[in-house]
Amino acid sequence: MVLGWEDLEPTLLAGKRMNLPKQSSILGMPTAEDFQVSASEMKEFLGDIKFMKDMQPRGARLVGRLHGKKIRIPGYVTPVGFNGEDVTQFLLVPFLGACIHVPPPPANQIIYVKNAKGLKIEQIWEPVWLTGILETKSVSTALADVGYSIRHGVVEPCAAYPENMKTVH
């Protein structure tokens, strides 16, 4: 089933409440070694991203009927885990720069992907299609709280971002 970002947003006061894990289990916490910077530069960077995360809208609800469904959705990659030049964990977001250059969208407009294979760092500027099993499994990352996760995710290039896939900013 092909989804647009509006499909991940339930109608007002409908949907499943998010259940975020405790702060001690934040995923994708980068280190100075990951970015090859000094400890002081990393501390400044982490302060900046915490400031952005604090601006994320709260109270997002999830569309529970989508849990366990195989979906395909276009979006942009915001990496949160690396292995050399490979992106191993990322957030799929509806617009370029979300979570890094601007405040994160609501949690129901972000999908967490773990164990990505073959995705190179230089590919993160281009739109992609993500296909996989959607879970209404909330996670907290260094960049944003996330409402959905994908199992068995496959990433493919997207020639152009489909104009009919509405996004929430």
N, C-alpha and C. Protein backbone atom coordinates (compact mmCIF):
# COMPACT_ATOMS: atom_id res chain seq x y z
N MET A 1 0.85 -1.16 0.00
CA MET A 1 0.00 0.00 0.00
C MET A 1 0.90 1.23 0.00
N VAL A 2 0.67 2.12 -0.96
CA VAL A 2 1.43 3.37 -1.05
C VAL A 2 0.76 4.40 -0.16
N LEU A 3 1.55 5.02 0.71
CA LEU A 3 1.04 6.02 1.64
C LEU A 3 1.64 7.38 1.35
N GLY A 4 0.87 8.41 1.66
CA GLY A 4 1.38 9.77 1.74
C GLY A 4 1.53 10.10 3.21
N TRP A 5 2.21 11.17 3.53
CA TRP A 5 2.47 11.51 4.93
C TRP A 5 1.19 11.81 5.69
N GLU A 6 0.18 12.34 5.02
CA GLU A 6 -1.08 12.63 5.71
C GLU A 6 -1.76 11.34 6.18
N ASP A 7 -1.45 10.21 5.57
CA ASP A 7 -2.03 8.93 5.98
C ASP A 7 -1.54 8.48 7.35
N LEU A 8 -0.43 9.04 7.82
CA LEU A 8 0.14 8.67 9.11
C LEU A 8 -0.40 9.53 10.25
N GLU A 9 -1.27 10.48 9.91
CA GLU A 9 -1.85 11.39 10.90
C GLU A 9 -3.32 11.06 11.10
N PRO A 10 -3.71 10.58 12.27
CA PRO A 10 -5.13 10.30 12.49
C PRO A 10 -5.93 11.60 12.60
N THR A 11 -7.24 11.48 12.46
CA THR A 11 -8.09 12.65 12.64
C THR A 11 -8.00 13.09 14.10
N LEU A 12 -8.41 14.30 14.35
CA LEU A 12 -8.30 14.91 15.68
C LEU A 12 -8.81 13.98 16.79
N LEU A 13 -7.98 13.72 17.78
CA LEU A 13 -8.27 12.90 18.96
C LEU A 13 -8.54 11.43 18.66
N ALA A 14 -8.34 11.02 17.42
CA ALA A 14 -8.43 9.59 17.10
C ALA A 14 -7.01 9.03 17.18
N GLY A 15 -6.87 7.75 17.00
CA GLY A 15 -5.56 7.14 16.94
C GLY A 15 -5.03 6.70 18.28
N LYS A 16 -3.91 6.05 18.21
CA LYS A 16 -3.25 5.44 19.37
C LYS A 16 -2.28 6.45 19.99
N ARG A 17 -2.30 6.54 21.32
CA ARG A 17 -1.34 7.40 22.00
C ARG A 17 0.06 6.82 21.87
N MET A 18 1.03 7.71 21.76
CA MET A 18 2.42 7.27 21.70
C MET A 18 2.88 6.83 23.08
N ASN A 19 3.73 5.84 23.10
CA ASN A 19 4.32 5.36 24.34
C ASN A 19 5.83 5.38 24.16
N LEU A 20 6.45 6.51 24.51
CA LEU A 20 7.89 6.65 24.31
C LEU A 20 8.67 5.92 25.40
N PRO A 21 9.83 5.35 25.02
CA PRO A 21 10.67 4.69 26.02
C PRO A 21 11.30 5.73 26.94
N LYS A 22 11.88 5.26 28.04
CA LYS A 22 12.57 6.14 28.99
C LYS A 22 13.74 6.83 28.29
N GLN A 23 14.09 8.01 28.77
CA GLN A 23 15.18 8.80 28.18
C GLN A 23 16.50 8.03 28.11
N SER A 24 16.69 7.05 28.97
CA SER A 24 17.96 6.31 28.99
C SER A 24 18.13 5.44 27.76
N SER A 25 17.08 5.25 26.97
CA SER A 25 17.19 4.37 25.81
C SER A 25 17.10 5.14 24.49
N ILE A 26 17.72 6.31 24.44
CA ILE A 26 17.74 7.10 23.21
C ILE A 26 18.62 6.40 22.18
N LEU A 27 18.09 6.26 20.97
CA LEU A 27 18.82 5.61 19.89
C LEU A 27 19.59 6.62 19.06
N GLY A 28 20.65 6.16 18.42
CA GLY A 28 21.38 7.00 17.48
C GLY A 28 22.12 8.16 18.11
N MET A 29 22.64 8.00 19.31
CA MET A 29 23.39 9.08 19.94
C MET A 29 24.79 9.11 19.33
N PRO A 30 25.12 10.15 18.56
CA PRO A 30 26.42 10.18 17.88
C PRO A 30 27.56 10.45 18.85
N THR A 31 28.75 10.07 18.43
CA THR A 31 29.96 10.32 19.21
C THR A 31 30.90 11.21 18.41
N ALA A 32 31.89 11.77 19.08
CA ALA A 32 32.88 12.62 18.41
C ALA A 32 33.62 11.82 17.34
N GLU A 33 33.85 10.53 17.60
CA GLU A 33 34.55 9.68 16.64
C GLU A 33 33.72 9.49 15.36
N ASP A 34 32.39 9.38 15.51
CA ASP A 34 31.53 9.21 14.34
C ASP A 34 31.71 10.36 13.35
N PHE A 35 31.87 11.56 13.87
CA PHE A 35 31.96 12.75 13.02
C PHE A 35 33.39 13.27 12.88
N GLN A 36 34.32 12.61 13.54
CA GLN A 36 35.73 12.99 13.49
C GLN A 36 35.92 14.45 13.89
N VAL A 37 35.35 14.80 15.06
CA VAL A 37 35.46 16.15 15.61
C VAL A 37 35.96 16.05 17.05
N SER A 38 36.30 17.18 17.62
CA SER A 38 36.76 17.20 19.01
C SER A 38 35.59 17.01 19.97
N ALA A 39 35.92 16.69 21.21
CA ALA A 39 34.87 16.50 22.23
C ALA A 39 34.09 17.79 22.45
N SER A 40 34.76 18.93 22.43
CA SER A 40 34.05 20.20 22.64
C SER A 40 33.13 20.52 21.46
N GLU A 41 33.57 20.23 20.24
CA GLU A 41 32.70 20.44 19.07
C GLU A 41 31.48 19.53 19.13
N MET A 42 31.69 18.30 19.61
CA MET A 42 30.58 17.35 19.71
C MET A 42 29.59 17.82 20.77
N LYS A 43 30.09 18.33 21.89
CA LYS A 43 29.21 18.83 22.95
C LYS A 43 28.35 19.98 22.43
N GLU A 44 28.96 20.87 21.66
CA GLU A 44 28.21 22.00 21.08
C GLU A 44 27.14 21.49 20.10
N PHE A 45 27.51 20.52 19.27
CA PHE A 45 26.57 19.94 18.31
C PHE A 45 25.38 19.29 19.03
N LEU A 46 25.68 18.51 20.09
CA LEU A 46 24.60 17.85 20.84
C LEU A 46 23.68 18.86 21.50
N GLY A 47 24.24 19.97 21.95
CA GLY A 47 23.41 21.05 22.51
C GLY A 47 22.49 21.64 21.46
N ASP A 48 23.02 21.82 20.24
CA ASP A 48 22.21 22.35 19.14
C ASP A 48 21.07 21.41 18.77
N ILE A 49 21.36 20.10 18.68
CA ILE A 49 20.29 19.18 18.28
C ILE A 49 19.27 19.00 19.41
N LYS A 50 19.71 19.10 20.66
CA LYS A 50 18.74 19.02 21.75
C LYS A 50 17.79 20.22 21.69
N PHE A 51 18.33 21.39 21.37
CA PHE A 51 17.50 22.58 21.22
C PHE A 51 16.46 22.37 20.13
N MET A 52 16.86 21.78 18.99
CA MET A 52 15.93 21.52 17.89
C MET A 52 14.88 20.49 18.32
N LYS A 53 15.32 19.42 19.00
CA LYS A 53 14.39 18.38 19.43
C LYS A 53 13.36 18.94 20.42
N ASP A 54 13.79 19.85 21.28
CA ASP A 54 12.88 20.45 22.24
C ASP A 54 11.76 21.25 21.56
N MET A 55 11.96 21.66 20.32
CA MET A 55 10.95 22.42 19.58
C MET A 55 9.96 21.50 18.83
N GLN A 56 10.18 20.21 18.89
CA GLN A 56 9.28 19.27 18.21
C GLN A 56 7.88 19.34 18.82
N PRO A 57 6.83 19.43 17.96
CA PRO A 57 5.46 19.41 18.49
C PRO A 57 5.20 18.13 19.29
N ARG A 58 4.49 18.25 20.40
CA ARG A 58 4.19 17.12 21.29
C ARG A 58 2.75 16.64 21.09
N GLY A 59 2.47 15.46 21.61
CA GLY A 59 1.10 14.95 21.62
C GLY A 59 0.65 14.28 20.35
N ALA A 60 1.58 13.85 19.50
CA ALA A 60 1.19 13.18 18.26
C ALA A 60 0.52 11.84 18.55
N ARG A 61 -0.46 11.51 17.75
CA ARG A 61 -1.13 10.21 17.84
C ARG A 61 -0.82 9.42 16.58
N LEU A 62 -0.94 8.10 16.69
CA LEU A 62 -0.59 7.20 15.60
C LEU A 62 -1.82 6.51 15.04
N VAL A 63 -1.73 6.10 13.78
CA VAL A 63 -2.81 5.38 13.13
C VAL A 63 -2.59 3.89 13.38
N GLY A 64 -3.27 3.36 14.40
CA GLY A 64 -3.06 1.97 14.82
C GLY A 64 -3.40 0.93 13.77
N ARG A 65 -4.37 1.21 12.90
CA ARG A 65 -4.78 0.22 11.89
C ARG A 65 -3.68 -0.05 10.85
N LEU A 66 -2.64 0.80 10.82
CA LEU A 66 -1.54 0.60 9.89
C LEU A 66 -0.47 -0.35 10.44
N HIS A 67 -0.54 -0.67 11.75
CA HIS A 67 0.45 -1.55 12.36
C HIS A 67 0.46 -2.91 11.65
N GLY A 68 1.65 -3.33 11.24
CA GLY A 68 1.81 -4.63 10.60
C GLY A 68 1.54 -4.64 9.11
N LYS A 69 1.21 -3.50 8.53
CA LYS A 69 0.92 -3.42 7.09
C LYS A 69 2.20 -3.17 6.31
N LYS A 70 2.29 -3.78 5.14
CA LYS A 70 3.41 -3.50 4.24
C LYS A 70 3.08 -2.21 3.50
N ILE A 71 4.00 -1.24 3.63
CA ILE A 71 3.75 0.07 3.04
C ILE A 71 4.92 0.50 2.17
N ARG A 72 4.64 1.51 1.37
CA ARG A 72 5.67 2.17 0.55
C ARG A 72 5.38 3.66 0.67
N ILE A 73 6.43 4.44 1.00
CA ILE A 73 6.24 5.88 1.22
C ILE A 73 7.50 6.61 0.75
N PRO A 74 7.32 7.78 0.11
CA PRO A 74 8.49 8.56 -0.28
C PRO A 74 8.94 9.46 0.87
N GLY A 75 10.19 9.83 0.88
CA GLY A 75 10.68 10.73 1.91
C GLY A 75 12.15 11.00 1.77
N TYR A 76 12.71 11.59 2.82
CA TYR A 76 14.12 11.93 2.85
C TYR A 76 14.78 11.28 4.06
N VAL A 77 16.04 10.95 3.92
CA VAL A 77 16.81 10.26 4.95
C VAL A 77 17.50 11.27 5.86
N THR A 78 17.31 11.09 7.17
CA THR A 78 18.08 11.81 8.18
C THR A 78 18.83 10.76 8.98
N PRO A 79 20.14 10.61 8.74
CA PRO A 79 20.87 9.52 9.40
C PRO A 79 21.01 9.70 10.91
N VAL A 80 20.93 8.58 11.64
CA VAL A 80 21.19 8.58 13.07
C VAL A 80 22.17 7.49 13.47
N GLY A 81 22.65 6.70 12.52
CA GLY A 81 23.63 5.66 12.81
C GLY A 81 24.46 5.37 11.58
N PHE A 82 25.78 5.18 11.77
CA PHE A 82 26.70 4.98 10.67
C PHE A 82 27.60 3.78 10.92
N ASN A 83 28.11 3.24 9.83
CA ASN A 83 29.21 2.29 9.84
C ASN A 83 30.11 2.72 8.70
N GLY A 84 31.10 3.54 9.01
CA GLY A 84 31.94 4.11 7.96
C GLY A 84 31.10 5.05 7.08
N GLU A 85 31.07 4.78 5.78
CA GLU A 85 30.30 5.59 4.82
C GLU A 85 28.86 5.10 4.68
N ASP A 86 28.53 4.00 5.34
CA ASP A 86 27.17 3.45 5.25
C ASP A 86 26.28 4.03 6.34
N VAL A 87 25.05 4.36 5.96
CA VAL A 87 24.03 4.76 6.93
C VAL A 87 23.34 3.49 7.39
N THR A 88 23.37 3.19 8.69
CA THR A 88 22.79 1.95 9.20
C THR A 88 21.45 2.16 9.90
N GLN A 89 21.23 3.37 10.41
CA GLN A 89 19.96 3.73 11.05
C GLN A 89 19.60 5.13 10.55
N PHE A 90 18.31 5.34 10.29
CA PHE A 90 17.92 6.67 9.85
C PHE A 90 16.46 6.94 10.17
N LEU A 91 16.11 8.21 10.07
CA LEU A 91 14.74 8.65 10.18
C LEU A 91 14.28 9.01 8.78
N LEU A 92 13.13 8.49 8.37
CA LEU A 92 12.54 8.91 7.11
C LEU A 92 11.61 10.06 7.46
N VAL A 93 11.80 11.17 6.78
CA VAL A 93 11.05 12.39 7.07
C VAL A 93 10.43 12.92 5.77
N PRO A 94 9.37 13.74 5.89
CA PRO A 94 8.65 14.20 4.70
C PRO A 94 9.32 15.31 3.92
N PHE A 95 10.32 15.98 4.50
CA PHE A 95 10.97 17.06 3.75
C PHE A 95 12.46 17.09 4.08
N LEU A 96 13.24 17.56 3.13
CA LEU A 96 14.69 17.62 3.24
C LEU A 96 15.10 18.53 4.39
N GLY A 97 16.01 18.05 5.23
CA GLY A 97 16.54 18.84 6.33
C GLY A 97 15.79 18.73 7.63
N ALA A 98 14.67 18.00 7.63
CA ALA A 98 13.90 17.83 8.87
C ALA A 98 14.78 17.19 9.93
N CYS A 99 14.66 17.67 11.14
CA CYS A 99 15.37 17.17 12.32
C CYS A 99 16.80 17.66 12.45
N ILE A 100 17.37 18.21 11.40
CA ILE A 100 18.75 18.68 11.48
C ILE A 100 18.80 20.20 11.29
N HIS A 101 18.21 20.69 10.21
CA HIS A 101 18.29 22.11 9.90
C HIS A 101 17.06 22.89 10.37
N VAL A 102 15.99 22.20 10.64
CA VAL A 102 14.76 22.83 11.13
C VAL A 102 14.20 21.94 12.24
N PRO A 103 13.30 22.46 13.07
CA PRO A 103 12.73 21.60 14.11
C PRO A 103 12.08 20.35 13.50
N PRO A 104 12.10 19.24 14.23
CA PRO A 104 11.51 18.01 13.72
C PRO A 104 10.00 18.16 13.54
N PRO A 105 9.45 17.44 12.55
CA PRO A 105 8.00 17.40 12.43
C PRO A 105 7.40 16.60 13.59
N PRO A 106 6.07 16.58 13.73
CA PRO A 106 5.47 15.75 14.78
C PRO A 106 5.93 14.30 14.64
N ALA A 107 5.92 13.58 15.76
CA ALA A 107 6.41 12.20 15.77
C ALA A 107 5.65 11.30 14.80
N ASN A 108 4.39 11.61 14.49
CA ASN A 108 3.65 10.77 13.55
C ASN A 108 3.99 11.11 12.10
N GLN A 109 4.98 11.96 11.90
CA GLN A 109 5.47 12.28 10.57
C GLN A 109 6.93 11.87 10.40
N ILE A 110 7.37 10.90 11.23
CA ILE A 110 8.75 10.40 11.17
C ILE A 110 8.71 8.88 11.31
N ILE A 111 9.52 8.20 10.52
CA ILE A 111 9.63 6.74 10.57
C ILE A 111 11.08 6.37 10.86
N TYR A 112 11.30 5.54 11.89
CA TYR A 112 12.64 5.07 12.25
C TYR A 112 12.94 3.78 11.51
N VAL A 113 14.14 3.71 10.91
CA VAL A 113 14.57 2.52 10.17
C VAL A 113 15.90 2.06 10.74
N LYS A 114 15.95 0.79 11.13
CA LYS A 114 17.17 0.20 11.69
C LYS A 114 17.70 -0.84 10.71
N ASN A 115 19.01 -1.04 10.75
CA ASN A 115 19.68 -2.05 9.92
C ASN A 115 19.50 -1.80 8.43
N ALA A 116 19.58 -0.55 8.02
CA ALA A 116 19.54 -0.24 6.60
C ALA A 116 20.80 -0.82 5.96
N LYS A 117 20.68 -1.29 4.76
CA LYS A 117 21.82 -1.87 4.05
C LYS A 117 22.02 -1.14 2.72
N GLY A 118 23.27 -0.85 2.43
CA GLY A 118 23.61 -0.28 1.13
C GLY A 118 23.30 1.19 0.94
N LEU A 119 22.91 1.88 1.99
CA LEU A 119 22.60 3.30 1.87
C LEU A 119 23.85 4.09 2.22
N LYS A 120 24.37 4.84 1.27
CA LYS A 120 25.60 5.61 1.46
C LYS A 120 25.29 7.04 1.90
N ILE A 121 26.19 7.62 2.65
CA ILE A 121 26.00 8.96 3.19
C ILE A 121 25.72 9.98 2.10
N GLU A 122 26.33 9.84 0.92
CA GLU A 122 26.12 10.83 -0.14
C GLU A 122 24.73 10.76 -0.76
N GLN A 123 23.96 9.71 -0.45
CA GLN A 123 22.61 9.55 -0.99
C GLN A 123 21.54 10.26 -0.17
N ILE A 124 21.90 10.86 0.96
CA ILE A 124 20.88 11.40 1.86
C ILE A 124 20.25 12.70 1.37
N TRP A 125 20.75 13.29 0.33
CA TRP A 125 20.20 14.54 -0.18
C TRP A 125 19.11 14.32 -1.20
N GLU A 126 18.91 13.10 -1.62
CA GLU A 126 17.93 12.77 -2.66
C GLU A 126 16.71 12.08 -2.05
N PRO A 127 15.52 12.27 -2.65
CA PRO A 127 14.35 11.55 -2.14
C PRO A 127 14.48 10.05 -2.37
N VAL A 128 13.86 9.27 -1.49
CA VAL A 128 13.88 7.81 -1.60
C VAL A 128 12.47 7.27 -1.42
N TRP A 129 12.28 6.05 -1.86
CA TRP A 129 11.10 5.26 -1.52
C TRP A 129 11.51 4.30 -0.43
N LEU A 130 10.71 4.19 0.61
CA LEU A 130 10.94 3.22 1.67
C LEU A 130 9.78 2.22 1.64
N THR A 131 10.13 0.95 1.58
CA THR A 131 9.13 -0.12 1.60
C THR A 131 9.45 -1.02 2.79
N GLY A 132 8.41 -1.44 3.51
CA GLY A 132 8.62 -2.35 4.64
C GLY A 132 7.36 -2.50 5.45
N ILE A 133 7.48 -3.21 6.56
CA ILE A 133 6.36 -3.46 7.46
C ILE A 133 6.32 -2.34 8.50
N LEU A 134 5.23 -1.58 8.50
CA LEU A 134 5.10 -0.44 9.41
C LEU A 134 4.67 -0.92 10.79
N GLU A 135 5.31 -0.37 11.81
CA GLU A 135 4.94 -0.66 13.19
C GLU A 135 4.63 0.64 13.91
N THR A 136 3.61 0.62 14.73
CA THR A 136 3.31 1.78 15.57
C THR A 136 4.13 1.62 16.84
N LYS A 137 5.44 1.66 16.64
CA LYS A 137 6.40 1.45 17.72
C LYS A 137 7.18 2.74 17.89
N SER A 138 6.95 3.43 18.97
CA SER A 138 7.59 4.72 19.22
C SER A 138 9.00 4.52 19.74
N VAL A 139 9.91 5.37 19.26
CA VAL A 139 11.29 5.37 19.73
C VAL A 139 11.72 6.81 19.94
N SER A 140 12.76 6.99 20.72
CA SER A 140 13.33 8.30 20.92
C SER A 140 14.75 8.28 20.38
N THR A 141 15.09 9.24 19.55
CA THR A 141 16.44 9.34 19.01
C THR A 141 17.04 10.67 19.49
N ALA A 142 18.31 10.85 19.22
CA ALA A 142 18.97 12.10 19.60
C ALA A 142 18.35 13.29 18.87
N LEU A 143 17.76 13.05 17.69
CA LEU A 143 17.23 14.14 16.89
C LEU A 143 15.75 14.40 17.09
N ALA A 144 14.98 13.35 17.39
CA ALA A 144 13.52 13.52 17.48
C ALA A 144 12.89 12.30 18.13
N ASP A 145 11.68 12.52 18.66
CA ASP A 145 10.84 11.39 19.07
C ASP A 145 10.11 10.94 17.82
N VAL A 146 9.95 9.63 17.68
CA VAL A 146 9.46 9.04 16.45
C VAL A 146 8.26 8.15 16.75
N GLY A 147 7.22 8.25 15.92
CA GLY A 147 6.00 7.48 16.14
C GLY A 147 5.98 6.12 15.49
N TYR A 148 6.65 5.98 14.37
CA TYR A 148 6.57 4.73 13.61
C TYR A 148 7.96 4.15 13.38
N SER A 149 8.01 2.83 13.17
CA SER A 149 9.23 2.13 12.82
C SER A 149 8.93 1.23 11.63
N ILE A 150 9.97 0.83 10.93
CA ILE A 150 9.84 -0.07 9.78
C ILE A 150 10.66 -1.32 10.04
N ARG A 151 10.05 -2.47 9.78
CA ARG A 151 10.76 -3.75 9.78
C ARG A 151 10.99 -4.15 8.34
N HIS A 152 12.10 -4.82 8.08
CA HIS A 152 12.40 -5.34 6.74
C HIS A 152 12.35 -4.21 5.71
N GLY A 153 12.97 -3.08 6.04
CA GLY A 153 12.94 -1.92 5.17
C GLY A 153 13.86 -2.05 3.97
N VAL A 154 13.35 -1.60 2.84
CA VAL A 154 14.13 -1.54 1.60
C VAL A 154 14.06 -0.10 1.11
N VAL A 155 15.22 0.47 0.81
CA VAL A 155 15.31 1.84 0.32
C VAL A 155 15.67 1.81 -1.15
N GLU A 156 14.92 2.59 -1.94
CA GLU A 156 15.20 2.70 -3.37
C GLU A 156 15.21 4.18 -3.75
N PRO A 157 15.99 4.53 -4.77
CA PRO A 157 15.98 5.93 -5.21
C PRO A 157 14.59 6.32 -5.71
N CYS A 158 14.27 7.58 -5.55
CA CYS A 158 13.00 8.14 -6.01
C CYS A 158 13.38 9.21 -7.03
N ALA A 159 13.02 9.00 -8.30
CA ALA A 159 13.44 9.93 -9.35
C ALA A 159 13.07 11.37 -9.02
N ALA A 160 11.88 11.57 -8.51
CA ALA A 160 11.43 12.90 -8.10
C ALA A 160 10.41 12.70 -7.00
N TYR A 161 10.39 13.60 -6.04
CA TYR A 161 9.43 13.48 -4.95
C TYR A 161 8.03 13.65 -5.51
N PRO A 162 7.14 12.67 -5.30
CA PRO A 162 5.79 12.76 -5.87
C PRO A 162 5.04 13.97 -5.32
N GLU A 163 4.53 14.83 -6.21
CA GLU A 163 3.86 16.04 -5.78
C GLU A 163 2.56 15.77 -5.04
N ASN A 164 1.94 14.62 -5.29
CA ASN A 164 0.66 14.32 -4.63
C ASN A 164 0.83 13.73 -3.25
N MET A 165 2.05 13.63 -2.73
CA MET A 165 2.29 13.11 -1.39
C MET A 165 2.41 14.29 -0.44
N LYS A 166 1.31 14.67 0.16
CA LYS A 166 1.28 15.86 1.03
C LYS A 166 2.22 15.68 2.20
N THR A 167 2.80 16.78 2.61
CA THR A 167 3.70 16.76 3.76
C THR A 167 3.20 17.74 4.81
N VAL A 168 3.56 17.48 6.05
CA VAL A 168 3.23 18.37 7.15
C VAL A 168 4.52 19.04 7.60
N HIS A 169 4.54 20.35 7.65
CA HIS A 169 5.73 21.08 8.11
C HIS A 169 5.51 21.62 9.48
